[in-house]
């Protein structure tokens, strides 16, 4: 369609205008996905940080970000392996995520559930502003 490719993958369009090699688009896609994941993880960590500081008086953002990462992994794995179970298969990942919060903060089940609920609400509030910057998901906080 009007492009001529050289042996190194560089393409030239009409009038000899240099076009980017196709591999750069893949690299930019990977970088964009990585940036989106990191920003989403930081938003999820912020939501858990806000919730944990309200419930347990813990003020450690790094701890919250790591909790969001572990929570996302546990949520994803439990969703992958257990979502096929009728009715309870959708609740098991949520219980597993609350368990991660309980384990990471040494809280009771009730306090971990409250942290999870406040984190979810905080993430929703933060994500109402961030779509203007291209962020639409909080990693580590379910249902966002």
Protein backbone atom coordinates (compact mmCIF):
# COMPACT_ATOMS: atom_id res chain seq x y z
CA UNK A 1 0.00 0.00 0.00
CA UNK A 2 2.63 2.50 -0.92
CA UNK A 3 5.28 1.33 1.56
CA UNK A 4 8.64 -0.14 0.71
CA UNK A 5 10.47 -2.09 3.39
CA UNK A 6 14.22 -2.46 3.61
CA UNK A 7 16.03 -5.52 4.94
CA UNK A 8 16.27 -4.04 8.48
CA UNK A 9 12.50 -3.50 8.73
CA UNK A 10 12.59 0.26 8.13
CA UNK A 11 9.71 1.34 5.95
CA UNK A 12 9.51 4.25 3.56
CA UNK A 13 6.26 5.80 2.49
CA UNK A 14 5.40 7.98 -0.45
CA UNK A 15 8.03 10.56 -1.22
CA UNK A 16 10.70 8.67 0.72
CA UNK A 17 9.35 9.68 4.17
CA UNK A 18 10.83 7.43 6.86
CA UNK A 19 8.28 5.46 8.87
CA UNK A 20 8.99 3.84 12.25
CA UNK A 21 9.90 0.16 12.18
CA UNK A 22 7.03 -2.11 13.19
CA UNK A 23 8.92 -3.36 16.26
CA UNK A 24 8.74 0.06 17.90
CA UNK A 25 4.95 -0.20 18.06
CA UNK A 26 5.22 -3.45 20.02
CA UNK A 27 7.79 -1.93 22.39
CA UNK A 28 5.58 1.09 22.99
CA UNK A 29 2.59 -1.19 23.65
CA UNK A 30 4.55 -3.12 26.28
CA UNK A 31 5.81 0.10 27.87
CA UNK A 32 2.30 1.57 27.86
CA UNK A 33 0.89 -1.54 29.50
CA UNK A 34 3.64 -1.52 32.11
CA UNK A 35 3.05 2.16 32.92
CA UNK A 36 -0.70 1.55 33.17
CA UNK A 37 -0.12 -1.39 35.53
CA UNK A 38 2.29 0.59 37.76
CA UNK A 39 -0.03 3.61 37.97
CA UNK A 40 -2.98 1.32 38.69
CA UNK A 41 -0.95 -0.42 41.39
CA UNK A 42 -0.06 2.92 42.97
CA UNK A 43 -3.74 3.93 42.93
CA UNK A 44 -4.71 0.59 44.51
CA UNK A 45 -1.97 1.06 47.10
CA UNK A 46 -3.22 4.57 47.82
CA UNK A 47 -6.74 3.26 48.37
CA UNK A 48 -5.53 0.56 50.77
CA UNK A 49 -3.24 3.10 52.49
CA UNK A 50 -6.19 5.44 53.10
CA UNK A 51 -8.36 2.61 54.39
CA UNK A 52 -5.68 1.09 56.62
CA UNK A 53 -4.78 4.48 58.08
CA UNK A 54 -8.43 5.02 59.03
CA UNK A 55 -8.99 1.56 60.53
CA UNK A 56 -5.60 0.50 61.94
CA UNK A 57 -3.62 3.76 62.17
CA UNK A 58 -0.94 2.20 59.93
CA UNK A 59 0.78 4.90 57.87
CA UNK A 60 3.07 2.93 55.52
CA UNK A 61 2.42 3.49 51.81
CA UNK A 62 4.97 0.87 50.71
CA UNK A 63 3.22 -1.73 52.84
CA UNK A 64 -0.09 -0.78 51.22
CA UNK A 65 1.30 -1.01 47.68
CA UNK A 66 2.78 -4.45 48.38
CA UNK A 67 -0.56 -5.49 49.90
CA UNK A 68 -2.29 -4.33 46.71
CA UNK A 69 0.14 -6.36 44.60
CA UNK A 70 -0.25 -9.54 46.68
CA UNK A 71 -4.02 -8.99 46.81
CA UNK A 72 -4.19 -8.67 43.03
CA UNK A 73 -2.19 -11.88 42.55
CA UNK A 74 -4.30 -13.82 45.07
CA UNK A 75 -7.52 -12.42 43.59
CA UNK A 76 -6.43 -13.34 40.06
CA UNK A 77 -5.34 -16.86 40.94
CA UNK A 78 -8.44 -17.63 42.97
CA UNK A 79 -10.62 -16.19 40.20
CA UNK A 80 -8.78 -18.29 37.62
CA UNK A 81 -9.08 -21.58 39.48
CA UNK A 82 -12.33 -21.22 41.43
CA UNK A 83 -14.71 -19.02 39.46
CA UNK A 84 -16.25 -22.06 37.77
CA UNK A 85 -17.95 -23.08 41.06
CA UNK A 86 -21.60 -21.98 40.89
CA UNK A 87 -22.65 -19.19 43.28
CA UNK A 88 -19.72 -19.29 45.70
CA UNK A 89 -17.06 -19.16 42.98
CA UNK A 90 -17.51 -15.43 42.63
CA UNK A 91 -17.21 -14.79 46.38
CA UNK A 92 -14.10 -16.86 47.04
CA UNK A 93 -11.75 -14.33 45.37
CA UNK A 94 -13.24 -11.55 47.50
CA UNK A 95 -12.75 -13.59 50.67
CA UNK A 96 -9.18 -14.37 49.57
CA UNK A 97 -8.50 -10.65 49.01
CA UNK A 98 -9.88 -9.77 52.46
CA UNK A 99 -7.69 -12.56 53.88
CA UNK A 100 -4.62 -10.90 52.31
CA UNK A 101 -5.54 -7.62 54.03
CA UNK A 102 -6.12 -9.47 57.29
CA UNK A 103 -2.74 -11.23 57.00
CA UNK A 104 -0.79 -8.11 55.98
CA UNK A 105 -2.26 -5.81 58.64
CA UNK A 106 -2.85 -8.31 61.45
CA UNK A 107 -6.47 -7.25 61.64
CA UNK A 108 -9.59 -9.22 62.47
CA UNK A 109 -11.89 -10.40 59.70
CA UNK A 110 -14.27 -7.54 60.47
CA UNK A 111 -11.53 -4.89 60.38
CA UNK A 112 -10.06 -6.41 57.21
CA UNK A 113 -13.51 -6.28 55.60
CA UNK A 114 -13.89 -2.65 56.65
CA UNK A 115 -10.43 -1.86 55.22
CA UNK A 116 -11.46 -3.57 51.99
CA UNK A 117 -14.72 -1.64 51.77
CA UNK A 118 -13.05 1.72 52.49
CA UNK A 119 -10.27 0.87 50.00
CA UNK A 120 -12.88 0.11 47.35
CA UNK A 121 -14.67 3.42 48.04
CA UNK A 122 -11.39 5.34 48.04
CA UNK A 123 -10.35 3.77 44.74
CA UNK A 124 -13.69 4.67 43.17
CA UNK A 125 -13.28 8.29 44.30
CA UNK A 126 -9.70 8.51 42.99
CA UNK A 127 -10.69 6.86 39.70
CA UNK A 128 -13.39 9.45 39.07
CA UNK A 129 -10.60 11.98 38.44
CA UNK A 130 -7.90 9.82 36.84
CA UNK A 131 -9.68 8.78 33.61
CA UNK A 132 -8.68 12.20 32.31
CA UNK A 133 -5.07 10.98 32.66
CA UNK A 134 -5.84 7.60 31.07
CA UNK A 135 -6.05 5.56 34.30
CA UNK A 136 -9.23 3.51 34.57
CA UNK A 137 -8.32 0.69 36.97
CA UNK A 138 -6.88 0.33 40.46
CA UNK A 139 -4.71 -2.80 40.66
CA UNK A 140 -5.21 -4.68 43.90
CA UNK A 141 -8.68 -3.35 44.64
CA UNK A 142 -11.53 -5.51 43.30
CA UNK A 143 -14.51 -4.16 41.37
CA UNK A 144 -12.78 -0.97 40.26
